[in-house]
C-alpha atoms as a PDB file:
ATOM      1  CA  MET A   1      79.829   2.012   1.742  1.00  0.00           C
ATOM      2  CA  THR A   2      79.224   4.188  -1.504  1.00  0.00           C
ATOM      3  CA  SER A   3      80.305   1.874  -5.371  1.00  0.00           C
ATOM      4  CA  GLN A   4      83.528   3.680  -6.604  1.00  0.00           C
ATOM      5  CA  LYS A   5      84.627   4.016 -10.673  1.00  0.00           C
ATOM      6  CA  TYR A   6      87.391   1.739  -9.895  1.00  0.00           C
ATOM      7  CA  ASP A   7      89.146  -0.603  -7.365  1.00  0.00           C
ATOM      8  CA  VAL A   8      90.573   0.442  -4.445  1.00  0.00           C
ATOM      9  CA  LEU A   9      93.900  -0.427  -2.706  1.00  0.00           C
ATOM     10  CA  LEU A  10      93.993   1.767   0.811  1.00  0.00           C
ATOM     11  CA  ILE A  11      98.156   1.628   1.608  1.00  0.00           C
ATOM     12  CA  ASP A  12     100.461   3.481   4.414  1.00  0.00           C
ATOM     13  CA  GLY A  13     101.290   6.576   2.793  1.00  0.00           C
ATOM     14  CA  HIS A  14     104.246   6.282   5.498  1.00  0.00           C
ATOM     15  CA  CYS A  15     105.979   3.271   4.912  1.00  0.00           C
ATOM     16  CA  GLY A  16     108.631   2.539   2.532  1.00  0.00           C
ATOM     17  CA  LEU A  17     107.682  -1.036   1.881  1.00  0.00           C
ATOM     18  CA  CYS A  18     103.807   0.253   0.920  1.00  0.00           C
ATOM     19  CA  SER A  19     105.033   2.938  -0.784  1.00  0.00           C
ATOM     20  CA  ARG A  20     107.614   0.242  -2.901  1.00  0.00           C
ATOM     21  CA  LEU A  21     104.823  -2.479  -3.936  1.00  0.00           C
ATOM     22  CA  GLY A  22     102.734   1.059  -5.406  1.00  0.00           C
ATOM     23  CA  THR A  23     105.662   1.538  -7.206  1.00  0.00           C
ATOM     24  CA  PHE A  24     105.686  -2.595  -8.577  1.00  0.00           C
ATOM     25  CA  LEU A  25     102.025  -2.480  -8.535  1.00  0.00           C
ATOM     26  CA  THR A  26     102.045   0.681 -10.910  1.00  0.00           C
ATOM     27  CA  LYS A  27     104.744  -0.346 -13.216  1.00  0.00           C
ATOM     28  CA  ARG A  28     103.208  -3.926 -13.911  1.00  0.00           C
ATOM     29  CA  PHE A  29      99.718  -3.317 -14.740  1.00  0.00           C
ATOM     30  CA  SER A  30      97.592  -4.665 -16.853  1.00  0.00           C
ATOM     31  CA  LYS A  31      96.220  -2.974 -19.437  1.00  0.00           C
ATOM     32  CA  SER A  32      92.308  -3.183 -18.261  1.00  0.00           C
ATOM     33  CA  ALA A  33      93.175  -2.480 -14.045  1.00  0.00           C
ATOM     34  CA  ASN A  34      90.829  -0.997 -12.961  1.00  0.00           C
ATOM     35  CA  LEU A  35      92.984   0.093  -9.524  1.00  0.00           C
ATOM     36  CA  LYS A  36      93.849   2.910  -7.782  1.00  0.00           C
ATOM     37  CA  ILE A  37      96.691   3.344  -5.020  1.00  0.00           C
ATOM     38  CA  VAL A  38      95.384   5.404  -2.180  1.00  0.00           C
ATOM     39  CA  ALA A  39      96.959   5.948   0.673  1.00  0.00           C
ATOM     40  CA  GLN A  40      95.787   6.059   3.988  1.00  0.00           C
ATOM     41  CA  ASP A  41      96.282   8.999   5.761  1.00  0.00           C
ATOM     42  CA  GLU A  42      95.700  11.331   2.697  1.00  0.00           C
ATOM     43  CA  ASP A  43      91.781  13.181   2.653  1.00  0.00           C
ATOM     44  CA  GLU A  44      90.306  10.527   0.023  1.00  0.00           C
ATOM     45  CA  GLY A  45      92.156   7.573   2.188  1.00  0.00           C
ATOM     46  CA  ILE A  46      90.651   9.085   4.544  1.00  0.00           C
ATOM     47  CA  ASN A  47      87.214   9.525   3.466  1.00  0.00           C
ATOM     48  CA  ILE A  48      87.279   5.904   1.943  1.00  0.00           C
ATOM     49  CA  ILE A  49      88.113   4.597   5.827  1.00  0.00           C
ATOM     50  CA  SER A  50      85.382   6.643   7.143  1.00  0.00           C
ATOM     51  CA  GLU A  51      82.808   4.384   5.574  1.00  0.00           C
ATOM     52  CA  LEU A  52      83.522   1.721   6.138  1.00  0.00           C
ATOM     53  CA  PRO A  53      82.414  -0.980   8.640  1.00  0.00           C
ATOM     54  CA  GLU A  54      83.593  -0.628  12.527  1.00  0.00           C
ATOM     55  CA  HIS A  55      85.575  -3.354  12.475  1.00  0.00           C
ATOM     56  CA  ILE A  56      87.641  -2.929   9.462  1.00  0.00           C
ATOM     57  CA  LYS A  57      88.401   0.825   9.945  1.00  0.00           C
ATOM     58  CA  GLN A  58      90.610  -0.720  13.495  1.00  0.00           C
ATOM     59  CA  ILE A  59      92.657  -3.738  11.048  1.00  0.00           C
ATOM     60  CA  ASP A  60      96.335  -1.873  10.960  1.00  0.00           C
ATOM     61  CA  SER A  61      96.567  -3.513   7.045  1.00  0.00           C
ATOM     62  CA  VAL A  62      96.448  -2.946   3.606  1.00  0.00           C
ATOM     63  CA  ILE A  63      92.796  -3.102   2.437  1.00  0.00           C
ATOM     64  CA  LEU A  64      91.607  -3.306  -0.970  1.00  0.00           C
ATOM     65  CA  ILE A  65      88.316  -2.712  -1.932  1.00  0.00           C
ATOM     66  CA  ARG A  66      87.156  -4.716  -5.099  1.00  0.00           C
ATOM     67  CA  LYS A  67      83.556  -4.635  -6.591  1.00  0.00           C
ATOM     68  CA  ASP A  68      82.477  -3.191  -2.812  1.00  0.00           C
ATOM     69  CA  ILE A  69      83.847  -6.461  -1.201  1.00  0.00           C
ATOM     70  CA  VAL A  70      86.942  -5.374   0.744  1.00  0.00           C
ATOM     71  CA  TYR A  71      89.606  -7.524   1.846  1.00  0.00           C
ATOM     72  CA  TYR A  72      92.999  -6.782   4.570  1.00  0.00           C
ATOM     73  CA  TYR A  73      95.860  -8.857   5.043  1.00  0.00           C
ATOM     74  CA  SER A  74      97.502 -11.549   2.756  1.00  0.00           C
ATOM     75  CA  SER A  75      93.692 -11.879   0.942  1.00  0.00           C
ATOM     76  CA  ALA A  76      94.441  -7.775  -0.801  1.00  0.00           C
ATOM     77  CA  GLY A  77      98.395  -8.936  -1.603  1.00  0.00           C
ATOM     78  CA  ILE A  78      97.359 -11.806  -3.405  1.00  0.00           C
ATOM     79  CA  ARG A  79      94.536 -10.409  -4.803  1.00  0.00           C
ATOM     80  CA  CYS A  80      96.742  -7.867  -6.104  1.00  0.00           C
ATOM     81  CA  LEU A  81      98.117 -10.246  -8.976  1.00  0.00           C
ATOM     82  CA  LEU A  82      94.652  -9.577 -10.703  1.00  0.00           C
ATOM     83  CA  TYR A  83      95.754  -6.185 -11.665  1.00  0.00           C
ATOM     84  CA  LEU A  84      98.664  -6.959 -12.856  1.00  0.00           C
ATOM     85  CA  LYS A  85      99.806  -8.544 -16.521  1.00  0.00           C
ATOM     86  CA  TRP A  86      99.042 -11.795 -17.413  1.00  0.00           C
ATOM     87  CA  TRP A  87     102.459 -13.655 -16.760  1.00  0.00           C
ATOM     88  CA  TRP A  88     101.731 -12.167 -12.848  1.00  0.00           C
ATOM     89  CA  LYS A  89      98.453 -13.256 -12.804  1.00  0.00           C
ATOM     90  CA  ILE A  90      99.422 -17.172 -12.970  1.00  0.00           C
ATOM     91  CA  LEU A  91     100.332 -16.936  -9.713  1.00  0.00           C
ATOM     92  CA  TYR A  92      97.178 -16.112  -8.044  1.00  0.00           C
ATOM     93  CA  PRO A  93      96.180 -19.743  -7.306  1.00  0.00           C
ATOM     94  CA  PHE A  94      99.229 -21.158  -6.303  1.00  0.00           C
ATOM     95  CA  ALA A  95      99.221 -18.426  -3.878  1.00  0.00           C
ATOM     96  CA  TRP A  96      95.884 -20.004  -2.227  1.00  0.00           C
ATOM     97  CA  ILE A  97      96.994 -23.265  -1.461  1.00  0.00           C
ATOM     98  CA  VAL A  98      99.151 -21.312   1.285  1.00  0.00           C
ATOM     99  CA  PRO A  99      96.138 -21.804   4.165  1.00  0.00           C
ATOM    100  CA  LEU A 100      94.761 -18.251   5.115  1.00  0.00           C
ATOM    101  CA  PRO A 101      96.193 -18.601   8.900  1.00  0.00           C
ATOM    102  CA  ILE A 102     100.217 -18.705   7.530  1.00  0.00           C
ATOM    103  CA  ARG A 103      99.715 -16.425   4.946  1.00  0.00           C
ATOM    104  CA  ASN A 104      99.169 -14.364   7.448  1.00  0.00           C
ATOM    105  CA  LEU A 105     101.077 -15.394  10.323  1.00  0.00           C
ATOM    106  CA  VAL A 106     103.808 -14.296   8.324  1.00  0.00           C
ATOM    107  CA  TYR A 107     101.886 -11.154   6.316  1.00  0.00           C
ATOM    108  CA  ARG A 108     101.754 -10.179  10.476  1.00  0.00           C
ATOM    109  CA  VAL A 109     105.504 -10.293  10.716  1.00  0.00           C
ATOM    110  CA  VAL A 110     106.413  -8.534   7.609  1.00  0.00           C
ATOM    111  CA  SER A 111     103.527  -5.645   8.780  1.00  0.00           C
ATOM    112  CA  LYS A 112     105.466  -5.746  12.327  1.00  0.00           C
ATOM    113  CA  ASN A 113     108.458  -4.763  11.129  1.00  0.00           C
ATOM    114  CA  ARG A 114     108.077  -3.253   7.926  1.00  0.00           C
ATOM    115  CA  LYS A 115     108.903   0.247   8.815  1.00  0.00           C
ATOM    116  CA  ARG A 116     112.164  -1.228  10.521  1.00  0.00           C
ATOM    117  CA  PHE A 117     113.704  -2.843   7.724  1.00  0.00           C
ATOM    118  CA  PHE A 118     111.996  -0.750   4.758  1.00  0.00           C
ATOM    119  CA  LYS A 119     112.253   3.601   5.962  1.00  0.00           C
ATOM    120  CA  ASN A 120     111.099   5.744   3.397  1.00  0.00           C
END
């Protein structure tokens, strides 16, 4: 995977929840945030995904590439807190208290139903 000048959050461009997440994040970025939000179906998103390992390409999830490390499911969502202003960053350590299987279960339930509840 080629090293980026910035971290990348790949979202589903046809999902209302994902679009709202992108808007939520950009309005609350800290001054030092080095994150670019890209739809997975845009040319740039397709190029980035093509460089990912095969097992990650198959994942139906938001994908965060932070310092050349790939995060997905709830781990990607929680790490997005690190790009926000300090009062949001306070939530970061508390989010890790919830065990990974529980976090990912909640993520998958929301992800499975996102298009039904959050229309564009």
